[in-house]
Amino acid sequence: MRIQFSSCFKGKYKKLIAKQPNIRAVFETALVLLMKNSKEPSLKIHKLSGKLKDFWAFYLTYDLRVIFERKKDIIILINIGAHDEVY
């Protein structure tokens, strides 16, 4: 499993880490779990619907989400932020 980062994701991640540096460790742990098991229960991975029906999401914290797209053996991280920001 490979992970790629969209340019939108990179920008949002930089801003998030600048405001909340402790999220970096949470994010790195989540990535390791995701790469080991793309159905890791602790990440609460779920398919999205509506305008985001082609995407998936997983939890970083109670409110922080990561939106991603699955393409064969590649996971493309699309967006990161609070629940209300990314949906």
N, C-alpha and C. Protein backbone atom coordinates (compact mmCIF):
# COMPACT_ATOMS: atom_id res chain seq x y z
N MET A 1 0.84 -1.18 0.00
CA MET A 1 0.00 0.00 0.00
C MET A 1 0.89 1.24 0.00
N ARG A 2 0.62 2.14 -0.92
CA ARG A 2 1.36 3.40 -0.99
C ARG A 2 0.45 4.56 -0.61
N ILE A 3 1.03 5.59 -0.06
CA ILE A 3 0.29 6.80 0.32
C ILE A 3 0.79 7.96 -0.51
N GLN A 4 -0.14 8.71 -1.09
CA GLN A 4 0.20 9.94 -1.80
C GLN A 4 -0.57 11.09 -1.16
N PHE A 5 -0.05 12.29 -1.30
CA PHE A 5 -0.65 13.47 -0.70
C PHE A 5 -1.02 14.47 -1.80
N SER A 6 -2.29 14.88 -1.85
CA SER A 6 -2.69 15.91 -2.81
C SER A 6 -2.11 17.25 -2.36
N SER A 7 -2.02 18.21 -3.27
CA SER A 7 -1.49 19.52 -2.90
C SER A 7 -2.41 20.21 -1.90
N CYS A 8 -3.71 20.01 -2.03
CA CYS A 8 -4.67 20.56 -1.06
C CYS A 8 -4.38 20.00 0.33
N PHE A 9 -4.17 18.70 0.42
CA PHE A 9 -3.89 18.07 1.70
C PHE A 9 -2.62 18.63 2.32
N LYS A 10 -1.57 18.76 1.52
CA LYS A 10 -0.29 19.25 2.04
C LYS A 10 -0.44 20.63 2.67
N GLY A 11 -1.17 21.51 2.00
CA GLY A 11 -1.37 22.87 2.51
C GLY A 11 -2.16 22.88 3.81
N LYS A 12 -3.24 22.12 3.83
CA LYS A 12 -4.08 22.07 5.04
C LYS A 12 -3.33 21.43 6.20
N TYR A 13 -2.54 20.40 5.91
CA TYR A 13 -1.77 19.72 6.95
C TYR A 13 -0.75 20.68 7.58
N LYS A 14 -0.06 21.44 6.74
CA LYS A 14 0.93 22.41 7.24
C LYS A 14 0.28 23.41 8.19
N LYS A 15 -0.88 23.93 7.80
CA LYS A 15 -1.58 24.91 8.63
C LYS A 15 -2.05 24.27 9.94
N LEU A 16 -2.55 23.05 9.85
CA LEU A 16 -3.03 22.36 11.04
C LEU A 16 -1.89 22.11 12.03
N ILE A 17 -0.76 21.64 11.53
CA ILE A 17 0.39 21.35 12.39
C ILE A 17 0.95 22.63 13.01
N ALA A 18 0.88 23.73 12.28
CA ALA A 18 1.35 25.00 12.83
C ALA A 18 0.50 25.41 14.05
N LYS A 19 -0.80 25.12 13.99
CA LYS A 19 -1.70 25.48 15.09
C LYS A 19 -1.71 24.42 16.19
N GLN A 20 -1.58 23.15 15.80
CA GLN A 20 -1.68 22.04 16.76
C GLN A 20 -0.53 21.04 16.52
N PRO A 21 0.68 21.36 16.96
CA PRO A 21 1.84 20.50 16.69
C PRO A 21 1.69 19.07 17.20
N ASN A 22 0.91 18.85 18.24
CA ASN A 22 0.73 17.51 18.78
C ASN A 22 -0.01 16.57 17.83
N ILE A 23 -0.68 17.11 16.83
CA ILE A 23 -1.41 16.29 15.86
C ILE A 23 -0.46 15.52 14.95
N ARG A 24 0.76 15.99 14.81
CA ARG A 24 1.73 15.31 13.94
C ARG A 24 1.91 13.85 14.36
N ALA A 25 2.10 13.59 15.64
CA ALA A 25 2.30 12.22 16.12
C ALA A 25 1.04 11.38 15.93
N VAL A 26 -0.11 11.98 16.16
CA VAL A 26 -1.38 11.27 15.96
C VAL A 26 -1.53 10.88 14.49
N PHE A 27 -1.22 11.82 13.60
CA PHE A 27 -1.31 11.58 12.17
C PHE A 27 -0.34 10.49 11.72
N GLU A 28 0.90 10.56 12.18
CA GLU A 28 1.90 9.56 11.78
C GLU A 28 1.51 8.16 12.26
N THR A 29 0.97 8.06 13.46
CA THR A 29 0.49 6.77 13.97
C THR A 29 -0.65 6.24 13.10
N ALA A 30 -1.58 7.13 12.75
CA ALA A 30 -2.71 6.73 11.91
C ALA A 30 -2.24 6.24 10.54
N LEU A 31 -1.24 6.90 9.97
CA LEU A 31 -0.72 6.47 8.66
C LEU A 31 -0.10 5.08 8.73
N VAL A 32 0.64 4.81 9.79
CA VAL A 32 1.24 3.48 9.95
C VAL A 32 0.13 2.43 10.04
N LEU A 33 -0.90 2.70 10.83
CA LEU A 33 -2.02 1.77 10.95
C LEU A 33 -2.72 1.57 9.61
N LEU A 34 -2.94 2.65 8.89
CA LEU A 34 -3.61 2.59 7.59
C LEU A 34 -2.81 1.77 6.59
N MET A 35 -1.49 1.94 6.58
CA MET A 35 -0.65 1.19 5.65
C MET A 35 -0.61 -0.29 5.99
N LYS A 36 -0.67 -0.62 7.27
CA LYS A 36 -0.66 -2.03 7.69
C LYS A 36 -1.99 -2.71 7.40
N ASN A 37 -3.08 -1.97 7.60
CA ASN A 37 -4.41 -2.54 7.44
C ASN A 37 -5.37 -1.45 7.00
N SER A 38 -5.77 -1.46 5.74
CA SER A 38 -6.64 -0.40 5.21
C SER A 38 -8.07 -0.49 5.76
N LYS A 39 -8.31 -1.45 6.65
CA LYS A 39 -9.61 -1.56 7.31
C LYS A 39 -9.45 -1.50 8.83
N GLU A 40 -8.41 -0.87 9.30
CA GLU A 40 -8.10 -0.78 10.73
C GLU A 40 -9.29 -0.21 11.51
N PRO A 41 -9.88 -0.99 12.42
CA PRO A 41 -11.08 -0.54 13.15
C PRO A 41 -10.89 0.74 13.96
N SER A 42 -9.72 0.94 14.55
CA SER A 42 -9.52 2.13 15.39
C SER A 42 -9.58 3.44 14.60
N LEU A 43 -9.39 3.38 13.29
CA LEU A 43 -9.45 4.59 12.46
C LEU A 43 -10.88 4.96 12.07
N LYS A 44 -11.80 4.04 12.29
CA LYS A 44 -13.22 4.26 11.95
C LYS A 44 -13.36 4.68 10.49
N ILE A 45 -12.74 3.93 9.61
CA ILE A 45 -12.77 4.22 8.17
C ILE A 45 -14.19 4.01 7.67
N HIS A 46 -14.66 4.98 6.89
CA HIS A 46 -16.02 4.86 6.36
C HIS A 46 -16.12 5.52 4.98
N LYS A 47 -17.00 4.94 4.16
CA LYS A 47 -17.29 5.45 2.83
C LYS A 47 -18.17 6.68 2.98
N LEU A 48 -17.92 7.69 2.16
CA LEU A 48 -18.72 8.91 2.22
C LEU A 48 -19.86 8.85 1.20
N SER A 49 -20.77 9.78 1.32
CA SER A 49 -21.92 9.80 0.41
C SER A 49 -22.12 11.22 -0.12
N GLY A 50 -23.14 11.39 -0.94
CA GLY A 50 -23.43 12.70 -1.51
C GLY A 50 -22.36 13.16 -2.46
N LYS A 51 -21.98 14.43 -2.35
CA LYS A 51 -20.98 14.99 -3.27
C LYS A 51 -19.59 14.36 -3.07
N LEU A 52 -19.38 13.69 -1.94
CA LEU A 52 -18.10 13.03 -1.65
C LEU A 52 -18.19 11.52 -1.81
N LYS A 53 -19.14 11.03 -2.57
CA LYS A 53 -19.41 9.59 -2.66
C LYS A 53 -18.25 8.76 -3.21
N ASP A 54 -17.30 9.37 -3.86
CA ASP A 54 -16.14 8.65 -4.39
C ASP A 54 -14.99 8.56 -3.39
N PHE A 55 -15.19 9.09 -2.19
CA PHE A 55 -14.13 9.18 -1.20
C PHE A 55 -14.44 8.42 0.07
N TRP A 56 -13.41 8.29 0.89
CA TRP A 56 -13.48 7.64 2.20
C TRP A 56 -12.95 8.62 3.23
N ALA A 57 -13.17 8.32 4.50
CA ALA A 57 -12.63 9.16 5.57
C ALA A 57 -12.20 8.29 6.74
N PHE A 58 -11.26 8.82 7.53
CA PHE A 58 -10.93 8.17 8.80
C PHE A 58 -10.72 9.23 9.87
N TYR A 59 -10.88 8.80 11.11
CA TYR A 59 -10.76 9.68 12.27
C TYR A 59 -9.30 9.82 12.69
N LEU A 60 -8.91 11.05 13.03
CA LEU A 60 -7.64 11.28 13.72
C LEU A 60 -7.93 11.50 15.19
N THR A 61 -8.91 12.36 15.45
CA THR A 61 -9.37 12.63 16.82
C THR A 61 -10.89 12.66 16.76
N TYR A 62 -11.50 13.00 17.88
CA TYR A 62 -12.96 13.09 17.91
C TYR A 62 -13.49 13.97 16.79
N ASP A 63 -12.83 15.10 16.51
CA ASP A 63 -13.33 16.04 15.50
C ASP A 63 -12.51 16.07 14.21
N LEU A 64 -11.27 15.65 14.22
CA LEU A 64 -10.42 15.74 13.02
C LEU A 64 -10.61 14.53 12.11
N ARG A 65 -10.75 14.82 10.82
CA ARG A 65 -10.93 13.77 9.82
C ARG A 65 -9.92 13.92 8.69
N VAL A 66 -9.64 12.80 8.04
CA VAL A 66 -8.83 12.79 6.83
C VAL A 66 -9.70 12.18 5.73
N ILE A 67 -9.83 12.90 4.62
CA ILE A 67 -10.57 12.42 3.46
C ILE A 67 -9.56 11.83 2.50
N PHE A 68 -9.88 10.65 1.95
CA PHE A 68 -8.94 10.03 1.02
C PHE A 68 -9.68 9.28 -0.09
N GLU A 69 -8.90 8.94 -1.10
CA GLU A 69 -9.40 8.20 -2.25
C GLU A 69 -8.58 6.92 -2.38
N ARG A 70 -9.25 5.85 -2.71
CA ARG A 70 -8.56 4.56 -2.91
C ARG A 70 -8.46 4.27 -4.40
N LYS A 71 -7.26 3.93 -4.85
CA LYS A 71 -7.03 3.52 -6.24
C LYS A 71 -6.08 2.34 -6.21
N LYS A 72 -6.64 1.15 -6.39
CA LYS A 72 -5.87 -0.10 -6.35
C LYS A 72 -4.99 -0.15 -5.11
N ASP A 73 -3.67 -0.07 -5.26
CA ASP A 73 -2.77 -0.16 -4.10
C ASP A 73 -2.25 1.20 -3.64
N ILE A 74 -3.00 2.27 -4.00
CA ILE A 74 -2.61 3.63 -3.63
C ILE A 74 -3.73 4.28 -2.85
N ILE A 75 -3.37 4.95 -1.77
CA ILE A 75 -4.31 5.78 -1.03
C ILE A 75 -3.85 7.23 -1.20
N ILE A 76 -4.75 8.06 -1.72
CA ILE A 76 -4.43 9.46 -1.96
C ILE A 76 -5.16 10.30 -0.91
N LEU A 77 -4.39 10.96 -0.06
CA LEU A 77 -4.97 11.81 0.97
C LEU A 77 -5.38 13.13 0.32
N ILE A 78 -6.66 13.47 0.48
CA ILE A 78 -7.26 14.61 -0.22
C ILE A 78 -7.41 15.84 0.66
N ASN A 79 -7.87 15.63 1.90
CA ASN A 79 -8.18 16.76 2.77
C ASN A 79 -8.02 16.35 4.22
N ILE A 80 -7.80 17.32 5.08
CA ILE A 80 -7.68 17.09 6.52
C ILE A 80 -8.27 18.30 7.23
N GLY A 81 -8.99 18.05 8.32
CA GLY A 81 -9.54 19.15 9.08
C GLY A 81 -10.67 18.71 9.98
N ALA A 82 -11.29 19.68 10.61
CA ALA A 82 -12.42 19.43 11.49
C ALA A 82 -13.59 18.87 10.67
N HIS A 83 -14.43 18.12 11.33
CA HIS A 83 -15.58 17.50 10.68
C HIS A 83 -16.33 18.48 9.78
N ASP A 84 -16.68 19.62 10.31
CA ASP A 84 -17.48 20.59 9.56
C ASP A 84 -16.71 21.25 8.41
N GLU A 85 -15.40 21.20 8.45
CA GLU A 85 -14.59 21.80 7.38
C GLU A 85 -14.46 20.87 6.18
N VAL A 86 -14.39 19.58 6.42
CA VAL A 86 -14.09 18.66 5.31
C VAL A 86 -15.31 18.02 4.67
N TYR A 87 -16.45 18.05 5.36
CA TYR A 87 -17.66 17.42 4.77
C TYR A 87 -18.55 18.44 4.13
